[in-house]
C-alpha cells in the first residue's frame, strides 16, 4: 500500500477550496509553491489540513467522486465548506501532518463546532463588536471587531495578550502583525472564537467574549 498526503486548502475566493495529494516527502515544497503561486488562476491559497494515509490515490479518487458535483471542471478546486472537508479528512486513519500542534480529534471537534456556528452567523447584525478582558497577570486585552459579509475582522490597534510558550494558536494569530502587544494590521478571521483567540492568546468562546457597544453578547443573537 502506497502512503501519501491528502491536503485541503482555502483560496482567496470564499467557499472555493482545493483538495489535492502529494508524496510524503514533497508536502512542504508543494505547499510553498501553491501558497506563493496559486493554482488554476486562483490565488491566496492557504493550507488548512493535511493527513498522511495509506492508498492515498484511492482515497483522493473517493473524495473526487463524493464531491464531484461541487468540482470546478478540469481542476482540483471545489465549491465546498472547508470545515466539512476537515471533518471528513480528520476521520481517516493516518497521521495528521498539518496543523502539527493539533490532534486529529481536536481538528475534528473544531471543524464540527465551526460548521454548527455558521448556521447562527446569519442572525448576527453586521457592525462593530467589542472585547475587553483582564488577564491573571493584570494585563488588559482590548479590541474591536467588525462583522461584515461573513467575516470577523479584528481591527488595527487592538491590545492583545501574548500566546503562552508551547501553546497552539490559529494561523490568524500566528501570522498577525503584532508589535509590543498592539495589532498593527487588521486580521480577518473565520469565526468569532478565532477572533477572540487572536486577541486573548488562547482559545475562547467568541460568542460570549464579543459584545455590542451596550454590552449585548453575540450569543444572544443565536436565540432570536
C-alpha atoms as a PDB file:
ATOM      1  CA  UNK A   1       0.000   0.000   0.000  1.00  0.00           C
ATOM      2  CA  UNK A   2       1.361   3.408  -1.027  1.00  0.00           C
ATOM      3  CA  UNK A   3       1.484   6.161   1.570  1.00  0.00           C
ATOM      4  CA  UNK A   4       0.899   9.778   0.664  1.00  0.00           C
ATOM      5  CA  UNK A   5      -0.586  13.013   1.908  1.00  0.00           C
ATOM      6  CA  UNK A   6      -4.045  14.381   1.174  1.00  0.00           C
ATOM      7  CA  UNK A   7      -4.476  18.069   1.898  1.00  0.00           C
ATOM      8  CA  UNK A   8      -7.139  20.775   1.869  1.00  0.00           C
ATOM      9  CA  UNK A   9      -6.520  24.472   1.251  1.00  0.00           C
ATOM     10  CA  UNK A  10      -8.673  27.583   1.224  1.00  0.00           C
ATOM     11  CA  UNK A  11      -8.372  30.213  -1.520  1.00  0.00           C
ATOM     12  CA  UNK A  12      -8.923  33.940  -1.843  1.00  0.00           C
ATOM     13  CA  UNK A  13     -12.420  33.120  -3.122  1.00  0.00           C
ATOM     14  CA  UNK A  14     -14.796  32.437  -0.190  1.00  0.00           C
ATOM     15  CA  UNK A  15     -16.229  28.925  -0.369  1.00  0.00           C
ATOM     16  CA  UNK A  16     -13.736  27.743  -3.004  1.00  0.00           C
ATOM     17  CA  UNK A  17     -11.169  25.220  -1.756  1.00  0.00           C
ATOM     18  CA  UNK A  18      -8.500  22.944  -3.175  1.00  0.00           C
ATOM     19  CA  UNK A  19      -8.239  19.237  -2.334  1.00  0.00           C
ATOM     20  CA  UNK A  20      -5.060  17.556  -3.507  1.00  0.00           C
ATOM     21  CA  UNK A  21      -2.455  14.914  -2.844  1.00  0.00           C
ATOM     22  CA  UNK A  22       1.321  14.774  -2.739  1.00  0.00           C
ATOM     23  CA  UNK A  23       4.130  12.430  -1.754  1.00  0.00           C
ATOM     24  CA  UNK A  24       5.180  12.213   1.873  1.00  0.00           C
ATOM     25  CA  UNK A  25       8.490  13.951   1.160  1.00  0.00           C
ATOM     26  CA  UNK A  26       7.037  16.704  -1.042  1.00  0.00           C
ATOM     27  CA  UNK A  27       4.430  18.284   1.232  1.00  0.00           C
ATOM     28  CA  UNK A  28       6.323  21.404   2.329  1.00  0.00           C
ATOM     29  CA  UNK A  29       7.599  22.058  -1.185  1.00  0.00           C
ATOM     30  CA  UNK A  30       4.106  21.638  -2.628  1.00  0.00           C
ATOM     31  CA  UNK A  31       2.564  23.990  -0.043  1.00  0.00           C
ATOM     32  CA  UNK A  32       5.299  26.560  -0.647  1.00  0.00           C
ATOM     33  CA  UNK A  33       4.616  26.537  -4.385  1.00  0.00           C
ATOM     34  CA  UNK A  34       0.808  26.723  -4.105  1.00  0.00           C
ATOM     35  CA  UNK A  35       0.744  29.400  -1.400  1.00  0.00           C
ATOM     36  CA  UNK A  36       3.040  31.642  -3.451  1.00  0.00           C
ATOM     37  CA  UNK A  37       1.922  30.933  -6.994  1.00  0.00           C
ATOM     38  CA  UNK A  38      -1.726  29.960  -6.697  1.00  0.00           C
ATOM     39  CA  UNK A  39      -3.489  27.304  -8.732  1.00  0.00           C
ATOM     40  CA  UNK A  40      -5.738  27.344 -11.808  1.00  0.00           C
ATOM     41  CA  UNK A  41      -5.613  31.180 -11.905  1.00  0.00           C
ATOM     42  CA  UNK A  42      -6.789  31.312  -8.274  1.00  0.00           C
ATOM     43  CA  UNK A  43      -4.510  32.909  -5.672  1.00  0.00           C
ATOM     44  CA  UNK A  44      -4.428  33.258  -1.899  1.00  0.00           C
ATOM     45  CA  UNK A  45      -4.166  29.523  -1.196  1.00  0.00           C
ATOM     46  CA  UNK A  46      -3.556  28.639   2.445  1.00  0.00           C
ATOM     47  CA  UNK A  47      -3.073  25.187   3.900  1.00  0.00           C
ATOM     48  CA  UNK A  48      -5.759  24.177   6.371  1.00  0.00           C
ATOM     49  CA  UNK A  49      -5.441  20.427   6.919  1.00  0.00           C
ATOM     50  CA  UNK A  50      -3.262  17.539   5.745  1.00  0.00           C
ATOM     51  CA  UNK A  51      -3.087  13.876   6.665  1.00  0.00           C
ATOM     52  CA  UNK A  52      -0.756  11.029   5.671  1.00  0.00           C
ATOM     53  CA  UNK A  53      -2.751   7.926   4.708  1.00  0.00           C
ATOM     54  CA  UNK A  54      -2.361   4.531   3.079  1.00  0.00           C
ATOM     55  CA  UNK A  55      -3.608   4.179  -0.503  1.00  0.00           C
ATOM     56  CA  UNK A  56      -3.770   7.926  -0.924  1.00  0.00           C
ATOM     57  CA  UNK A  57      -4.507   7.705  -4.660  1.00  0.00           C
ATOM     58  CA  UNK A  58      -7.661   5.699  -3.993  1.00  0.00           C
ATOM     59  CA  UNK A  59      -8.733   7.949  -1.137  1.00  0.00           C
ATOM     60  CA  UNK A  60      -8.328  11.087  -3.226  1.00  0.00           C
ATOM     61  CA  UNK A  61     -10.313   9.448  -6.029  1.00  0.00           C
ATOM     62  CA  UNK A  62     -13.054   8.682  -3.497  1.00  0.00           C
ATOM     63  CA  UNK A  63     -13.134  12.325  -2.393  1.00  0.00           C
ATOM     64  CA  UNK A  64     -13.352  13.430  -6.028  1.00  0.00           C
ATOM     65  CA  UNK A  65     -16.318  11.118  -6.511  1.00  0.00           C
ATOM     66  CA  UNK A  66     -18.083  12.231  -3.336  1.00  0.00           C
ATOM     67  CA  UNK A  67     -17.689  15.909  -4.171  1.00  0.00           C
ATOM     68  CA  UNK A  68     -17.957  15.611  -7.970  1.00  0.00           C
ATOM     69  CA  UNK A  69     -20.998  17.908  -8.185  1.00  0.00           C
ATOM     70  CA  UNK A  70     -19.078  20.664  -6.389  1.00  0.00           C
ATOM     71  CA  UNK A  71     -15.938  20.411  -8.521  1.00  0.00           C
ATOM     72  CA  UNK A  72     -14.692  23.103 -10.885  1.00  0.00           C
ATOM     73  CA  UNK A  73     -14.293  21.172 -14.172  1.00  0.00           C
ATOM     74  CA  UNK A  74     -10.730  20.210 -15.054  1.00  0.00           C
ATOM     75  CA  UNK A  75      -9.304  21.237 -11.695  1.00  0.00           C
ATOM     76  CA  UNK A  76      -8.809  20.252  -8.050  1.00  0.00           C
ATOM     77  CA  UNK A  77     -10.988  23.146  -6.899  1.00  0.00           C
ATOM     78  CA  UNK A  78     -14.324  22.574  -5.166  1.00  0.00           C
ATOM     79  CA  UNK A  79     -17.163  24.829  -4.024  1.00  0.00           C
ATOM     80  CA  UNK A  80     -17.308  23.374  -0.521  1.00  0.00           C
ATOM     81  CA  UNK A  81     -17.316  24.252   3.157  1.00  0.00           C
ATOM     82  CA  UNK A  82     -13.707  23.768   4.285  1.00  0.00           C
ATOM     83  CA  UNK A  83     -14.862  22.580   7.710  1.00  0.00           C
ATOM     84  CA  UNK A  84     -16.898  19.789   6.135  1.00  0.00           C
ATOM     85  CA  UNK A  85     -13.778  18.595   4.323  1.00  0.00           C
ATOM     86  CA  UNK A  86     -11.681  18.810   7.500  1.00  0.00           C
ATOM     87  CA  UNK A  87     -14.289  16.745   9.314  1.00  0.00           C
ATOM     88  CA  UNK A  88     -14.023  14.057   6.677  1.00  0.00           C
ATOM     89  CA  UNK A  89     -10.228  14.056   6.354  1.00  0.00           C
ATOM     90  CA  UNK A  90      -9.675  14.014  10.115  1.00  0.00           C
ATOM     91  CA  UNK A  91     -11.836  10.898  10.352  1.00  0.00           C
ATOM     92  CA  UNK A  92      -9.399   8.970   8.111  1.00  0.00           C
ATOM     93  CA  UNK A  93      -6.898   6.607   9.687  1.00  0.00           C
ATOM     94  CA  UNK A  94      -3.446   8.120   9.417  1.00  0.00           C
ATOM     95  CA  UNK A  95      -1.034  10.657  10.817  1.00  0.00           C
ATOM     96  CA  UNK A  96      -2.009  14.309  10.787  1.00  0.00           C
ATOM     97  CA  UNK A  97       0.663  16.364   9.044  1.00  0.00           C
ATOM     98  CA  UNK A  98      -0.899  19.823   9.354  1.00  0.00           C
ATOM     99  CA  UNK A  99      -1.534  21.513  11.680  1.00  0.00           C
ATOM    100  CA  UNK A 100       1.235  19.821  13.650  1.00  0.00           C
ATOM    101  CA  UNK A 101       0.298  21.283  17.021  1.00  0.00           C
ATOM    102  CA  UNK A 102      -3.260  19.973  16.947  1.00  0.00           C
ATOM    103  CA  UNK A 103      -4.569  16.409  17.214  1.00  0.00           C
ATOM    104  CA  UNK A 104      -6.985  14.870  14.708  1.00  0.00           C
ATOM    105  CA  UNK A 105      -9.628  14.782  17.435  1.00  0.00           C
ATOM    106  CA  UNK A 106      -9.149  18.498  18.151  1.00  0.00           C
ATOM    107  CA  UNK A 107      -9.271  19.305  14.423  1.00  0.00           C
ATOM    108  CA  UNK A 108     -12.486  17.324  14.021  1.00  0.00           C
ATOM    109  CA  UNK A 109     -14.098  18.965  17.056  1.00  0.00           C
ATOM    110  CA  UNK A 110     -13.079  22.457  15.889  1.00  0.00           C
ATOM    111  CA  UNK A 111     -14.463  21.823  12.393  1.00  0.00           C
ATOM    112  CA  UNK A 112     -17.688  20.434  13.830  1.00  0.00           C
ATOM    113  CA  UNK A 113     -18.089  23.467  16.086  1.00  0.00           C
ATOM    114  CA  UNK A 114     -17.344  25.823  13.196  1.00  0.00           C
ATOM    115  CA  UNK A 115     -19.978  24.209  10.971  1.00  0.00           C
ATOM    116  CA  UNK A 116     -22.531  24.413  13.758  1.00  0.00           C
ATOM    117  CA  UNK A 117     -21.670  28.048  14.421  1.00  0.00           C
ATOM    118  CA  UNK A 118     -22.045  29.029  10.773  1.00  0.00           C
ATOM    119  CA  UNK A 119     -25.735  28.241  10.990  1.00  0.00           C
ATOM    120  CA  UNK A 120     -26.051  31.060  13.525  1.00  0.00           C
ATOM    121  CA  UNK A 121     -23.956  33.649  11.668  1.00  0.00           C
ATOM    122  CA  UNK A 122     -26.863  34.809   9.525  1.00  0.00           C
ATOM    123  CA  UNK A 123     -28.512  36.073  12.701  1.00  0.00           C
ATOM    124  CA  UNK A 124     -25.646  38.380  13.634  1.00  0.00           C
ATOM    125  CA  UNK A 125     -26.236  42.012  12.621  1.00  0.00           C
ATOM    126  CA  UNK A 126     -23.355  43.457  10.641  1.00  0.00           C
ATOM    127  CA  UNK A 127     -21.466  46.057  12.631  1.00  0.00           C
ATOM    128  CA  UNK A 128     -18.783  46.570  15.249  1.00  0.00           C
ATOM    129  CA  UNK A 129     -18.336  44.473  18.388  1.00  0.00           C
ATOM    130  CA  UNK A 130     -16.014  44.805  21.353  1.00  0.00           C
ATOM    131  CA  UNK A 131     -13.925  42.718  23.721  1.00  0.00           C
ATOM    132  CA  UNK A 132     -12.184  43.717  26.917  1.00  0.00           C
ATOM    133  CA  UNK A 133     -10.581  41.279  29.307  1.00  0.00           C
ATOM    134  CA  UNK A 134      -8.031  41.483  32.140  1.00  0.00           C
ATOM    135  CA  UNK A 135      -5.550  38.607  32.388  1.00  0.00           C
ATOM    136  CA  UNK A 136      -4.443  36.928  35.603  1.00  0.00           C
ATOM    137  CA  UNK A 137      -1.188  38.839  35.278  1.00  0.00           C
ATOM    138  CA  UNK A 138      -3.128  42.104  35.253  1.00  0.00           C
ATOM    139  CA  UNK A 139      -2.670  42.906  31.552  1.00  0.00           C
ATOM    140  CA  UNK A 140      -5.587  44.279  29.577  1.00  0.00           C
ATOM    141  CA  UNK A 141      -6.804  42.884  26.266  1.00  0.00           C
ATOM    142  CA  UNK A 142      -8.973  45.375  24.403  1.00  0.00           C
ATOM    143  CA  UNK A 143     -10.202  45.143  20.820  1.00  0.00           C
ATOM    144  CA  UNK A 144     -12.919  45.954  18.351  1.00  0.00           C
ATOM    145  CA  UNK A 145     -14.157  43.581  15.662  1.00  0.00           C
ATOM    146  CA  UNK A 146     -16.106  44.345  12.528  1.00  0.00           C
ATOM    147  CA  UNK A 147     -18.536  41.710  11.258  1.00  0.00           C
ATOM    148  CA  UNK A 148     -19.423  42.026   7.580  1.00  0.00           C
ATOM    149  CA  UNK A 149     -20.213  39.562   4.777  1.00  0.00           C
ATOM    150  CA  UNK A 150     -19.463  36.534   6.922  1.00  0.00           C
ATOM    151  CA  UNK A 151     -16.032  37.751   8.041  1.00  0.00           C
ATOM    152  CA  UNK A 152     -14.934  38.654  11.560  1.00  0.00           C
ATOM    153  CA  UNK A 153     -12.211  41.299  11.313  1.00  0.00           C
ATOM    154  CA  UNK A 154     -10.165  42.254  14.366  1.00  0.00           C
ATOM    155  CA  UNK A 155      -9.278  45.900  13.842  1.00  0.00           C
ATOM    156  CA  UNK A 156      -5.885  47.550  13.863  1.00  0.00           C
ATOM    157  CA  UNK A 157      -4.892  48.997  17.244  1.00  0.00           C
ATOM    158  CA  UNK A 158      -6.192  46.122  19.359  1.00  0.00           C
ATOM    159  CA  UNK A 159      -4.256  45.464  22.560  1.00  0.00           C
ATOM    160  CA  UNK A 160      -3.640  41.713  22.601  1.00  0.00           C
ATOM    161  CA  UNK A 161      -2.242  39.239  25.106  1.00  0.00           C
ATOM    162  CA  UNK A 162       0.750  37.020  24.373  1.00  0.00           C
ATOM    163  CA  UNK A 163       0.414  33.347  23.462  1.00  0.00           C
ATOM    164  CA  UNK A 164       1.848  31.130  26.251  1.00  0.00           C
ATOM    165  CA  UNK A 165       5.032  29.353  25.199  1.00  0.00           C
ATOM    166  CA  UNK A 166       4.341  25.999  23.576  1.00  0.00           C
ATOM    167  CA  UNK A 167       0.613  26.734  23.200  1.00  0.00           C
ATOM    168  CA  UNK A 168      -1.084  26.174  19.848  1.00  0.00           C
ATOM    169  CA  UNK A 169      -2.521  29.217  18.087  1.00  0.00           C
ATOM    170  CA  UNK A 170      -4.599  29.501  14.901  1.00  0.00           C
ATOM    171  CA  UNK A 171      -2.979  30.728  11.719  1.00  0.00           C
ATOM    172  CA  UNK A 172      -4.746  34.079  12.033  1.00  0.00           C
ATOM    173  CA  UNK A 173      -2.875  34.709  15.292  1.00  0.00           C
ATOM    174  CA  UNK A 174       0.449  33.226  14.166  1.00  0.00           C
ATOM    175  CA  UNK A 175       0.534  35.494  11.099  1.00  0.00           C
ATOM    176  CA  UNK A 176      -0.785  38.622  12.830  1.00  0.00           C
ATOM    177  CA  UNK A 177       1.436  41.718  12.778  1.00  0.00           C
ATOM    178  CA  UNK A 178       1.781  42.445  16.498  1.00  0.00           C
ATOM    179  CA  UNK A 179       4.291  44.904  17.922  1.00  0.00           C
ATOM    180  CA  UNK A 180       4.621  45.480  21.657  1.00  0.00           C
ATOM    181  CA  UNK A 181       1.234  43.874  22.242  1.00  0.00           C
ATOM    182  CA  UNK A 182      -0.567  46.054  19.679  1.00  0.00           C
ATOM    183  CA  UNK A 183      -2.118  44.763  16.471  1.00  0.00           C
ATOM    184  CA  UNK A 184      -0.652  46.737  13.575  1.00  0.00           C
ATOM    185  CA  UNK A 185      -2.913  45.443  10.807  1.00  0.00           C
ATOM    186  CA  UNK A 186      -6.489  44.163  10.501  1.00  0.00           C
ATOM    187  CA  UNK A 187      -6.847  40.386  10.900  1.00  0.00           C
ATOM    188  CA  UNK A 188      -9.661  38.577   9.104  1.00  0.00           C
ATOM    189  CA  UNK A 189     -10.988  35.520  10.956  1.00  0.00           C
ATOM    190  CA  UNK A 190     -13.357  32.728  10.028  1.00  0.00           C
ATOM    191  CA  UNK A 191     -15.303  32.755  13.315  1.00  0.00           C
ATOM    192  CA  UNK A 192     -15.867  34.902  16.415  1.00  0.00           C
ATOM    193  CA  UNK A 193     -13.919  32.370  18.509  1.00  0.00           C
ATOM    194  CA  UNK A 194     -10.873  32.638  16.241  1.00  0.00           C
ATOM    195  CA  UNK A 195     -11.129  36.420  16.536  1.00  0.00           C
ATOM    196  CA  UNK A 196     -11.191  36.089  20.337  1.00  0.00           C
ATOM    197  CA  UNK A 197      -8.151  33.772  20.183  1.00  0.00           C
ATOM    198  CA  UNK A 198      -6.262  36.433  18.205  1.00  0.00           C
ATOM    199  CA  UNK A 199      -6.869  38.950  20.998  1.00  0.00           C
ATOM    200  CA  UNK A 200      -6.613  36.772  24.109  1.00  0.00           C
ATOM    201  CA  UNK A 201      -3.774  34.483  23.027  1.00  0.00           C
ATOM    202  CA  UNK A 202      -5.708  31.355  23.967  1.00  0.00           C
ATOM    203  CA  UNK A 203      -8.865  29.549  22.902  1.00  0.00           C
ATOM    204  CA  UNK A 204     -12.090  31.224  23.984  1.00  0.00           C
ATOM    205  CA  UNK A 205     -15.795  31.199  23.224  1.00  0.00           C
ATOM    206  CA  UNK A 206     -16.137  34.207  20.970  1.00  0.00           C
ATOM    207  CA  UNK A 207     -19.919  34.138  21.250  1.00  0.00           C
ATOM    208  CA  UNK A 208     -19.504  35.110  24.908  1.00  0.00           C
ATOM    209  CA  UNK A 209     -16.427  37.345  24.593  1.00  0.00           C
ATOM    210  CA  UNK A 210     -17.628  39.771  21.920  1.00  0.00           C
ATOM    211  CA  UNK A 211     -20.468  42.198  22.647  1.00  0.00           C
ATOM    212  CA  UNK A 212     -22.183  45.270  21.264  1.00  0.00           C
ATOM    213  CA  UNK A 213     -21.420  48.776  22.488  1.00  0.00           C
ATOM    214  CA  UNK A 214     -24.221  48.468  25.035  1.00  0.00           C
ATOM    215  CA  UNK A 215     -22.979  45.109  26.332  1.00  0.00           C
ATOM    216  CA  UNK A 216     -25.174  42.663  24.409  1.00  0.00           C
ATOM    217  CA  UNK A 217     -23.207  39.452  23.791  1.00  0.00           C
ATOM    218  CA  UNK A 218     -23.085  37.767  20.398  1.00  0.00           C
ATOM    219  CA  UNK A 219     -24.630  34.616  21.812  1.00  0.00           C
ATOM    220  CA  UNK A 220     -27.914  36.464  22.425  1.00  0.00           C
ATOM    221  CA  UNK A 221     -28.461  36.676  18.661  1.00  0.00           C
ATOM    222  CA  UNK A 222     -28.461  32.875  18.457  1.00  0.00           C
ATOM    223  CA  UNK A 223     -31.780  32.646  20.261  1.00  0.00           C
ATOM    224  CA  UNK A 224     -33.555  35.489  18.490  1.00  0.00           C
END
